[in-house]
Amino acid sequence: MAEDARRALVEFLVHRAFDPVLKARADHYSPAERERLARVQDATRAEIERFLGDRSAQEVVVNFKRDLTSQPAKRVHTELAALRLPTLGDVREEFERRARGLGVEG
């Protein structure tokens, strides 16, 4: 059950927050925005790997909350917002509701 909760939370983040970033097409953006898009896509790939490496649902929740407020994450969120792409903040309420539903508090 604990592994199922971890997997469910990571899959939620990948589906709702990360896939739209990775699937964004550069040809929909200006040349300057394309550079920004490439940076946030690289950061998003690294973020997915980090969440996949979390050992528990609790760790996913803790790292999610840390990513809402850390300075590096804030820079990425600013760039994502400028590109009209979802940020972790955009899915925060739904993520926290899912975590609670799975019995994970953070």
Protein backbone atom coordinates (compact mmCIF):
# COMPACT_ATOMS: atom_id res chain seq x y z
CA MET A 1 0.00 0.00 0.00
CA ALA A 2 2.79 2.45 0.86
CA GLU A 3 4.47 1.86 -2.50
CA ASP A 4 1.10 2.37 -4.21
CA ALA A 5 0.71 5.75 -2.50
CA ARG A 6 4.22 6.84 -3.52
CA ARG A 7 3.63 5.75 -7.09
CA ALA A 8 0.19 7.43 -7.23
CA LEU A 9 1.58 10.77 -6.05
CA VAL A 10 4.53 10.70 -8.45
CA GLU A 11 2.27 9.70 -11.34
CA PHE A 12 -0.08 12.56 -10.49
CA LEU A 13 2.80 15.06 -10.58
CA VAL A 14 4.13 13.67 -13.85
CA HIS A 15 0.72 13.72 -15.50
CA ARG A 16 -0.57 17.07 -14.22
CA ALA A 17 2.53 19.23 -13.84
CA PHE A 18 5.46 17.74 -15.72
CA ASP A 19 4.09 16.18 -18.93
CA PRO A 20 2.62 19.47 -20.20
CA VAL A 21 6.07 21.04 -19.87
CA LEU A 22 7.84 18.18 -21.61
CA LYS A 23 5.23 18.06 -24.38
CA ALA A 24 5.33 21.81 -25.06
CA ARG A 25 6.44 22.42 -28.62
CA ALA A 26 9.20 24.92 -29.25
CA ASP A 27 7.61 26.03 -32.51
CA HIS A 28 4.77 27.60 -30.49
CA TYR A 29 7.20 30.07 -28.92
CA SER A 30 9.43 32.96 -29.96
CA PRO A 31 13.19 32.35 -30.22
CA ALA A 32 13.81 33.83 -26.74
CA GLU A 33 11.02 31.73 -25.28
CA ARG A 34 12.45 28.63 -26.94
CA GLU A 35 15.63 29.03 -24.91
CA ARG A 36 13.56 29.41 -21.76
CA LEU A 37 11.51 26.35 -22.72
CA ALA A 38 14.63 24.25 -23.20
CA ARG A 39 15.87 25.27 -19.72
CA VAL A 40 12.60 24.44 -17.98
CA GLN A 41 12.31 21.15 -19.85
CA ASP A 42 15.78 20.17 -18.64
CA ALA A 43 14.87 21.18 -15.10
CA THR A 44 11.61 19.23 -15.38
CA ARG A 45 13.40 16.05 -16.46
CA ALA A 46 15.71 16.36 -13.45
CA GLU A 47 12.73 16.97 -11.18
CA ILE A 48 10.96 13.86 -12.42
CA GLU A 49 14.06 11.77 -11.75
CA ARG A 50 14.30 13.18 -8.25
CA PHE A 51 10.67 12.38 -7.46
CA LEU A 52 11.07 8.90 -8.95
CA GLY A 53 13.97 8.40 -6.54
CA ASP A 54 11.88 9.26 -3.48
CA ARG A 55 11.54 6.18 -1.30
CA SER A 56 8.14 6.89 0.24
CA ALA A 57 4.95 8.85 -0.26
CA GLN A 58 5.93 10.97 2.74
CA GLU A 59 9.21 11.86 1.02
CA VAL A 60 7.30 12.85 -2.14
CA VAL A 61 5.08 15.17 -0.08
CA VAL A 62 8.03 16.71 1.78
CA ASN A 63 9.95 17.33 -1.45
CA PHE A 64 6.84 18.70 -3.17
CA LYS A 65 6.38 21.25 -0.39
CA ARG A 66 10.07 22.12 -0.43
CA ASP A 67 9.83 22.72 -4.17
CA LEU A 68 7.03 25.21 -3.67
CA THR A 69 9.31 27.54 -1.72
CA SER A 70 12.95 26.87 -2.64
CA GLN A 71 14.73 29.63 -4.54
CA PRO A 72 15.77 27.42 -7.49
CA ALA A 73 12.21 26.13 -7.82
CA LYS A 74 10.80 29.66 -7.65
CA ARG A 75 13.01 30.65 -10.60
CA VAL A 76 11.73 27.69 -12.62
CA HIS A 77 8.13 28.46 -11.62
CA THR A 78 8.57 32.05 -12.84
CA GLU A 79 9.83 30.80 -16.20
CA LEU A 80 7.02 28.24 -16.47
CA ALA A 81 4.41 30.89 -15.73
CA ALA A 82 5.92 33.19 -18.36
CA LEU A 83 5.58 30.34 -20.87
CA ARG A 84 1.99 29.70 -19.76
CA LEU A 85 2.84 26.23 -18.52
CA PRO A 86 1.71 24.61 -15.26
CA THR A 87 3.74 24.95 -12.08
CA LEU A 88 3.68 22.86 -8.93
CA GLY A 89 1.73 25.68 -7.32
CA ASP A 90 -1.01 25.22 -9.90
CA VAL A 91 -1.58 21.62 -8.78
CA ARG A 92 -0.90 22.16 -5.07
CA GLU A 93 -4.45 21.87 -3.76
CA GLU A 94 -5.24 18.77 -5.77
CA PHE A 95 -1.91 17.15 -4.85
CA GLU A 96 -2.44 17.81 -1.15
CA ARG A 97 -6.00 16.50 -1.35
CA ARG A 98 -4.75 13.30 -3.02
CA ALA A 99 -2.00 12.89 -0.45
CA ARG A 100 -4.50 13.23 2.40
CA GLY A 101 -6.80 10.75 0.67
CA LEU A 102 -3.93 8.29 0.57
CA GLY A 103 -3.27 8.85 4.27
CA VAL A 104 -0.09 10.87 3.72
CA GLU A 105 0.37 14.10 5.64
CA GLY A 106 3.27 16.43 5.29
